[in-house]
PDB file of N, CA and C in Angstrom:
ATOM      1  N   UNK A   1       0.846  -1.086  -0.141  1.00  0.00           N
ATOM      2  CA  UNK A   1      -0.044  -0.262   0.141  1.00  0.00           C
ATOM      3  C   UNK A   1       0.880   1.311   0.058  1.00  0.00           C
ATOM      4  N   UNK A   2       0.814   2.125  -0.834  1.00  0.00           N
ATOM      5  CA  UNK A   2       1.297   3.441  -0.818  1.00  0.00           C
ATOM      6  C   UNK A   2       0.762   4.270   0.128  1.00  0.00           C
ATOM      7  N   UNK A   3       1.718   4.996   0.808  1.00  0.00           N
ATOM      8  CA  UNK A   3       1.383   5.899   1.905  1.00  0.00           C
ATOM      9  C   UNK A   3       2.202   7.260   1.708  1.00  0.00           C
ATOM     10  N   UNK A   4       1.643   8.447   1.905  1.00  0.00           N
ATOM     11  CA  UNK A   4       2.265   9.652   1.635  1.00  0.00           C
ATOM     12  C   UNK A   4       2.169  10.253   3.068  1.00  0.00           C
ATOM     13  N   UNK A   5       3.233  11.057   3.391  1.00  0.00           N
ATOM     14  CA  UNK A   5       3.264  12.122   4.525  1.00  0.00           C
ATOM     15  C   UNK A   5       3.146  13.443   4.055  1.00  0.00           C
ATOM     16  N   UNK A   6       2.270  14.268   4.211  1.00  0.00           N
ATOM     17  CA  UNK A   6       2.275  15.493   3.711  1.00  0.00           C
ATOM     18  C   UNK A   6       2.376  16.498   4.745  1.00  0.00           C
ATOM     19  N   UNK A   7       3.237  17.438   4.670  1.00  0.00           N
ATOM     20  CA  UNK A   7       3.540  18.503   5.716  1.00  0.00           C
ATOM     21  C   UNK A   7       2.846  19.684   5.281  1.00  0.00           C
ATOM     22  N   UNK A   8       1.709  20.309   6.180  1.00  0.00           N
ATOM     23  CA  UNK A   8       0.918  21.464   5.818  1.00  0.00           C
ATOM     24  C   UNK A   8       1.569  22.684   6.326  1.00  0.00           C
ATOM     25  N   UNK A   9       2.043  23.394   5.454  1.00  0.00           N
ATOM     26  CA  UNK A   9       2.867  24.524   5.895  1.00  0.00           C
ATOM     27  C   UNK A   9       1.810  25.610   6.182  1.00  0.00           C
ATOM     28  N   UNK A  10       0.663  25.531   5.683  1.00  0.00           N
ATOM     29  CA  UNK A  10      -0.257  26.659   6.387  1.00  0.00           C
ATOM     30  C   UNK A  10      -0.675  26.302   7.835  1.00  0.00           C
ATOM     31  N   UNK A  11      -0.645  25.190   8.130  1.00  0.00           N
ATOM     32  CA  UNK A  11      -1.036  24.893   9.869  1.00  0.00           C
ATOM     33  C   UNK A  11       0.246  25.300  10.470  1.00  0.00           C
ATOM     34  N   UNK A  12       1.453  24.942   9.911  1.00  0.00           N
ATOM     35  CA  UNK A  12       2.740  25.599  10.591  1.00  0.00           C
ATOM     36  C   UNK A  12       2.804  27.002  10.866  1.00  0.00           C
ATOM     37  N   UNK A  13       2.617  27.652   9.952  1.00  0.00           N
ATOM     38  CA  UNK A  13       2.535  29.192  10.075  1.00  0.00           C
ATOM     39  C   UNK A  13       1.236  29.653  10.811  1.00  0.00           C
ATOM     40  N   UNK A  14       0.085  29.220  11.006  1.00  0.00           N
ATOM     41  CA  UNK A  14      -1.050  29.373  11.824  1.00  0.00           C
ATOM     42  C   UNK A  14      -0.599  28.958  13.348  1.00  0.00           C
ATOM     43  N   UNK A  15       0.034  27.969  13.476  1.00  0.00           N
ATOM     44  CA  UNK A  15       0.620  27.495  14.823  1.00  0.00           C
ATOM     45  C   UNK A  15       1.646  28.301  15.335  1.00  0.00           C
ATOM     46  N   UNK A  16       2.446  29.283  14.512  1.00  0.00           N
ATOM     47  CA  UNK A  16       3.283  30.212  14.816  1.00  0.00           C
ATOM     48  C   UNK A  16       2.662  31.379  15.404  1.00  0.00           C
ATOM     49  N   UNK A  17       1.298  31.447  14.949  1.00  0.00           N
ATOM     50  CA  UNK A  17       0.578  32.707  15.627  1.00  0.00           C
ATOM     51  C   UNK A  17      -0.267  32.202  16.674  1.00  0.00           C
ATOM     52  N   UNK A  18      -0.346  31.051  17.231  1.00  0.00           N
ATOM     53  CA  UNK A  18      -0.956  30.824  18.293  1.00  0.00           C
ATOM     54  C   UNK A  18      -1.816  29.680  18.235  1.00  0.00           C
ATOM     55  N   UNK A  19      -2.241  29.091  16.920  1.00  0.00           N
ATOM     56  CA  UNK A  19      -3.060  28.037  16.679  1.00  0.00           C
ATOM     57  C   UNK A  19      -2.620  26.758  17.101  1.00  0.00           C
ATOM     58  N   UNK A  20      -3.445  25.798  17.350  1.00  0.00           N
ATOM     59  CA  UNK A  20      -3.056  24.473  17.480  1.00  0.00           C
ATOM     60  C   UNK A  20      -3.630  23.476  16.687  1.00  0.00           C
ATOM     61  N   UNK A  21      -3.024  23.423  15.433  1.00  0.00           N
ATOM     62  CA  UNK A  21      -3.409  22.625  14.250  1.00  0.00           C
ATOM     63  C   UNK A  21      -2.443  21.409  14.013  1.00  0.00           C
ATOM     64  N   UNK A  22      -2.833  20.173  13.700  1.00  0.00           N
ATOM     65  CA  UNK A  22      -1.883  19.170  13.378  1.00  0.00           C
ATOM     66  C   UNK A  22      -1.198  19.418  11.856  1.00  0.00           C
ATOM     67  N   UNK A  23      -0.045  19.311  11.698  1.00  0.00           N
ATOM     68  CA  UNK A  23       0.975  19.693  10.884  1.00  0.00           C
ATOM     69  C   UNK A  23       1.025  18.574   9.788  1.00  0.00           C
ATOM     70  N   UNK A  24       0.785  17.572  10.015  1.00  0.00           N
ATOM     71  CA  UNK A  24       1.113  16.341   9.142  1.00  0.00           C
ATOM     72  C   UNK A  24      -0.109  15.530   8.848  1.00  0.00           C
ATOM     73  N   UNK A  25      -0.404  15.255   7.535  1.00  0.00           N
ATOM     74  CA  UNK A  25      -1.204  14.273   7.185  1.00  0.00           C
ATOM     75  C   UNK A  25      -0.773  13.029   6.386  1.00  0.00           C
ATOM     76  N   UNK A  26      -1.170  11.910   7.071  1.00  0.00           N
ATOM     77  CA  UNK A  26      -0.725  10.609   6.511  1.00  0.00           C
ATOM     78  C   UNK A  26      -1.822  10.274   5.630  1.00  0.00           C
ATOM     79  N   UNK A  27      -1.544  10.049   4.302  1.00  0.00           N
ATOM     80  CA  UNK A  27      -2.353   9.721   3.146  1.00  0.00           C
ATOM     81  C   UNK A  27      -2.257   8.402   2.719  1.00  0.00           C
ATOM     82  N   UNK A  28      -3.387   7.743   2.521  1.00  0.00           N
ATOM     83  CA  UNK A  28      -3.463   6.306   1.903  1.00  0.00           C
ATOM     84  C   UNK A  28      -4.602   6.372   0.905  1.00  0.00           C
ATOM     85  N   UNK A  29      -4.834   5.251   0.442  1.00  0.00           N
ATOM     86  CA  UNK A  29      -5.833   5.212  -0.834  1.00  0.00           C
ATOM     87  C   UNK A  29      -7.284   5.408  -0.035  1.00  0.00           C
ATOM     88  N   UNK A  30      -7.391   5.074   1.282  1.00  0.00           N
ATOM     89  CA  UNK A  30      -8.627   5.043   1.680  1.00  0.00           C
ATOM     90  C   UNK A  30      -8.987   5.979   2.955  1.00  0.00           C
ATOM     91  N   UNK A  31      -7.862   6.776   3.275  1.00  0.00           N
ATOM     92  CA  UNK A  31      -8.254   7.842   4.605  1.00  0.00           C
ATOM     93  C   UNK A  31      -6.998   8.609   4.718  1.00  0.00           C
ATOM     94  N   UNK A  32      -7.240   9.819   5.203  1.00  0.00           N
ATOM     95  CA  UNK A  32      -6.351  10.689   5.659  1.00  0.00           C
ATOM     96  C   UNK A  32      -6.357  10.865   7.107  1.00  0.00           C
ATOM     97  N   UNK A  33      -5.092  10.934   7.783  1.00  0.00           N
ATOM     98  CA  UNK A  33      -5.085  10.943   9.257  1.00  0.00           C
ATOM     99  C   UNK A  33      -4.216  12.220   9.545  1.00  0.00           C
ATOM    100  N   UNK A  34      -4.716  13.262  10.162  1.00  0.00           N
ATOM    101  CA  UNK A  34      -3.971  14.422  10.621  1.00  0.00           C
ATOM    102  C   UNK A  34      -3.283  14.006  11.910  1.00  0.00           C
ATOM    103  N   UNK A  35      -2.140  14.719  12.088  1.00  0.00           N
ATOM    104  CA  UNK A  35      -1.405  14.477  13.420  1.00  0.00           C
ATOM    105  C   UNK A  35      -0.416  15.275  13.416  1.00  0.00           C
ATOM    106  N   UNK A  36       0.389  15.165  14.317  1.00  0.00           N
ATOM    107  CA  UNK A  36       1.668  15.895  14.572  1.00  0.00           C
ATOM    108  C   UNK A  36       2.949  15.032  14.916  1.00  0.00           C
ATOM    109  N   UNK A  37       2.842  13.705  14.888  1.00  0.00           N
ATOM    110  CA  UNK A  37       3.903  12.818  15.058  1.00  0.00           C
ATOM    111  C   UNK A  37       3.528  11.601  14.203  1.00  0.00           C
ATOM    112  N   UNK A  38       4.770  11.081  13.561  1.00  0.00           N
ATOM    113  CA  UNK A  38       4.591  10.047  12.438  1.00  0.00           C
ATOM    114  C   UNK A  38       5.882   9.064  12.920  1.00  0.00           C
ATOM    115  N   UNK A  39       5.461   7.883  13.136  1.00  0.00           N
ATOM    116  CA  UNK A  39       6.671   6.807  13.329  1.00  0.00           C
ATOM    117  C   UNK A  39       6.695   6.010  12.018  1.00  0.00           C
ATOM    118  N   UNK A  40       7.821   5.879  11.240  1.00  0.00           N
ATOM    119  CA  UNK A  40       7.983   5.102  10.042  1.00  0.00           C
ATOM    120  C   UNK A  40       8.776   3.867  10.482  1.00  0.00           C
ATOM    121  N   UNK A  41       8.135   2.533  10.127  1.00  0.00           N
ATOM    122  CA  UNK A  41       8.718   1.373  10.602  1.00  0.00           C
ATOM    123  C   UNK A  41       9.235   1.004   9.389  1.00  0.00           C
ATOM    124  N   UNK A  42      10.755   0.441   9.311  1.00  0.00           N
ATOM    125  CA  UNK A  42      11.311  -0.141   8.129  1.00  0.00           C
ATOM    126  C   UNK A  42      11.927   0.851   7.348  1.00  0.00           C
ATOM    127  N   UNK A  43      12.376   0.191   6.069  1.00  0.00           N
ATOM    128  CA  UNK A  43      13.162   1.292   5.116  1.00  0.00           C
ATOM    129  C   UNK A  43      12.222   2.170   4.587  1.00  0.00           C
ATOM    130  N   UNK A  44      12.456   3.265   4.410  1.00  0.00           N
ATOM    131  CA  UNK A  44      11.628   4.381   3.840  1.00  0.00           C
ATOM    132  C   UNK A  44      12.473   5.260   3.354  1.00  0.00           C
ATOM    133  N   UNK A  45      11.904   6.277   2.404  1.00  0.00           N
ATOM    134  CA  UNK A  45      12.502   7.666   1.886  1.00  0.00           C
ATOM    135  C   UNK A  45      11.717   8.578   1.954  1.00  0.00           C
ATOM    136  N   UNK A  46      12.398   9.839   2.259  1.00  0.00           N
ATOM    137  CA  UNK A  46      11.514  11.295   2.588  1.00  0.00           C
ATOM    138  C   UNK A  46      11.993  12.012   1.313  1.00  0.00           C
ATOM    139  N   UNK A  47      11.217  12.542   0.513  1.00  0.00           N
ATOM    140  CA  UNK A  47      11.662  13.335  -0.843  1.00  0.00           C
ATOM    141  C   UNK A  47      11.060  14.820  -0.799  1.00  0.00           C
ATOM    142  N   UNK A  48      12.001  15.442  -0.937  1.00  0.00           N
ATOM    143  CA  UNK A  48      11.489  17.000  -1.289  1.00  0.00           C
ATOM    144  C   UNK A  48      11.673  17.343  -2.624  1.00  0.00           C
ATOM    145  N   UNK A  49      10.414  17.725  -3.245  1.00  0.00           N
ATOM    146  CA  UNK A  49      10.726  17.777  -4.809  1.00  0.00           C
ATOM    147  C   UNK A  49       9.977  18.919  -5.220  1.00  0.00           C
ATOM    148  N   UNK A  50      10.387  20.186  -4.838  1.00  0.00           N
ATOM    149  CA  UNK A  50       9.531  21.285  -5.465  1.00  0.00           C
ATOM    150  C   UNK A  50       9.312  21.524  -6.712  1.00  0.00           C
ATOM    151  N   UNK A  51      10.157  20.978  -7.757  1.00  0.00           N
ATOM    152  CA  UNK A  51      10.052  20.931  -9.106  1.00  0.00           C
ATOM    153  C   UNK A  51       9.132  19.914  -9.674  1.00  0.00           C
ATOM    154  N   UNK A  52       8.659  18.970  -8.758  1.00  0.00           N
ATOM    155  CA  UNK A  52       7.489  18.092  -9.415  1.00  0.00           C
ATOM    156  C   UNK A  52       6.709  17.873  -8.271  1.00  0.00           C
ATOM    157  N   UNK A  53       5.818  18.867  -7.704  1.00  0.00           N
ATOM    158  CA  UNK A  53       4.679  18.622  -6.746  1.00  0.00           C
ATOM    159  C   UNK A  53       3.857  17.408  -6.984  1.00  0.00           C
ATOM    160  N   UNK A  54       3.198  16.913  -5.919  1.00  0.00           N
ATOM    161  CA  UNK A  54       2.124  15.948  -6.197  1.00  0.00           C
ATOM    162  C   UNK A  54       0.960  16.711  -6.479  1.00  0.00           C
ATOM    163  N   UNK A  55       0.097  15.839  -6.953  1.00  0.00           N
ATOM    164  CA  UNK A  55      -1.279  16.286  -7.734  1.00  0.00           C
ATOM    165  C   UNK A  55      -2.246  16.835  -6.710  1.00  0.00           C
ATOM    166  N   UNK A  56      -1.975  16.696  -5.298  1.00  0.00           N
ATOM    167  CA  UNK A  56      -3.118  17.126  -4.393  1.00  0.00           C
ATOM    168  C   UNK A  56      -2.729  18.723  -4.096  1.00  0.00           C
ATOM    169  N   UNK A  57      -1.754  19.573  -4.887  1.00  0.00           N
ATOM    170  CA  UNK A  57      -1.678  20.773  -4.813  1.00  0.00           C
ATOM    171  C   UNK A  57      -0.339  21.272  -3.728  1.00  0.00           C
ATOM    172  N   UNK A  58       0.195  20.338  -3.358  1.00  0.00           N
ATOM    173  CA  UNK A  58       1.282  20.643  -2.442  1.00  0.00           C
ATOM    174  C   UNK A  58       2.523  21.490  -3.142  1.00  0.00           C
ATOM    175  N   UNK A  59       3.326  22.347  -2.841  1.00  0.00           N
ATOM    176  CA  UNK A  59       4.218  23.033  -3.294  1.00  0.00           C
ATOM    177  C   UNK A  59       5.413  22.357  -3.592  1.00  0.00           C
ATOM    178  N   UNK A  60       5.518  21.420  -2.457  1.00  0.00           N
ATOM    179  CA  UNK A  60       6.761  20.398  -2.268  1.00  0.00           C
ATOM    180  C   UNK A  60       6.054  19.164  -2.087  1.00  0.00           C
ATOM    181  N   UNK A  61       6.470  18.143  -1.381  1.00  0.00           N
ATOM    182  CA  UNK A  61       5.877  17.082  -1.024  1.00  0.00           C
ATOM    183  C   UNK A  61       6.847  15.881  -0.713  1.00  0.00           C
ATOM    184  N   UNK A  62       6.082  14.930   0.073  1.00  0.00           N
ATOM    185  CA  UNK A  62       7.157  13.796   0.057  1.00  0.00           C
ATOM    186  C   UNK A  62       6.573  12.849  -1.023  1.00  0.00           C
ATOM    187  N   UNK A  63       7.488  11.995  -1.750  1.00  0.00           N
ATOM    188  CA  UNK A  63       6.906  11.099  -2.429  1.00  0.00           C
ATOM    189  C   UNK A  63       7.506   9.792  -2.017  1.00  0.00           C
ATOM    190  N   UNK A  64       7.465   8.774  -2.870  1.00  0.00           N
ATOM    191  CA  UNK A  64       8.039   7.417  -2.399  1.00  0.00           C
ATOM    192  C   UNK A  64       7.134   6.619  -1.649  1.00  0.00           C
ATOM    193  N   UNK A  65       7.262   5.524  -1.233  1.00  0.00           N
ATOM    194  CA  UNK A  65       6.263   4.667  -0.659  1.00  0.00           C
ATOM    195  C   UNK A  65       6.803   4.439   0.741  1.00  0.00           C
ATOM    196  N   UNK A  66       5.881   4.537   1.475  1.00  0.00           N
ATOM    197  CA  UNK A  66       6.192   4.256   3.186  1.00  0.00           C
ATOM    198  C   UNK A  66       5.225   3.267   3.452  1.00  0.00           C
ATOM    199  N   UNK A  67       5.626   2.342   4.100  1.00  0.00           N
ATOM    200  CA  UNK A  67       4.818   1.288   4.718  1.00  0.00           C
ATOM    201  C   UNK A  67       4.864   1.081   6.088  1.00  0.00           C
ATOM    202  N   UNK A  68       4.209   0.447   6.904  1.00  0.00           N
ATOM    203  CA  UNK A  68       4.111   0.302   8.217  1.00  0.00           C
ATOM    204  C   UNK A  68       4.159   1.568   9.093  1.00  0.00           C
ATOM    205  N   UNK A  69       3.333   2.486   8.619  1.00  0.00           N
ATOM    206  CA  UNK A  69       3.258   3.729   9.464  1.00  0.00           C
ATOM    207  C   UNK A  69       2.255   3.819  10.364  1.00  0.00           C
ATOM    208  N   UNK A  70       2.527   4.266  11.625  1.00  0.00           N
ATOM    209  CA  UNK A  70       1.576   4.603  12.806  1.00  0.00           C
ATOM    210  C   UNK A  70       1.615   6.043  13.025  1.00  0.00           C
ATOM    211  N   UNK A  71       0.580   6.584  13.470  1.00  0.00           N
ATOM    212  CA  UNK A  71       0.655   8.185  13.853  1.00  0.00           C
ATOM    213  C   UNK A  71      -0.146   8.359  14.893  1.00  0.00           C
ATOM    214  N   UNK A  72      -0.051   9.479  15.480  1.00  0.00           N
ATOM    215  CA  UNK A  72      -0.591  10.139  16.695  1.00  0.00           C
ATOM    216  C   UNK A  72      -0.158  11.463  17.069  1.00  0.00           C
ATOM    217  N   UNK A  73      -1.084  11.977  17.645  1.00  0.00           N
ATOM    218  CA  UNK A  73      -0.876  13.487  18.278  1.00  0.00           C
ATOM    219  C   UNK A  73       0.283  13.415  19.433  1.00  0.00           C
ATOM    220  N   UNK A  74       0.854  14.535  19.436  1.00  0.00           N
ATOM    221  CA  UNK A  74       1.841  14.811  20.383  1.00  0.00           C
ATOM    222  C   UNK A  74       1.270  15.100  21.905  1.00  0.00           C
TER     223      UNK A  74
END
């Protein structure tokens, strides 16, 4: 199963101004989980590719395949 971890820069900026929003979204084919902490188990790759953004509209983004991901709030 392909899983992507998206970093929400808008929420990071809002949190700098006092908000308390989750800044990470773990995306799979069937769900999106918003959180502040992600543990990646096993071999993984994190990719920053501003010249090849993902189709969901991110300005950069993590590509690759990440398996065995668990998430939870801080």
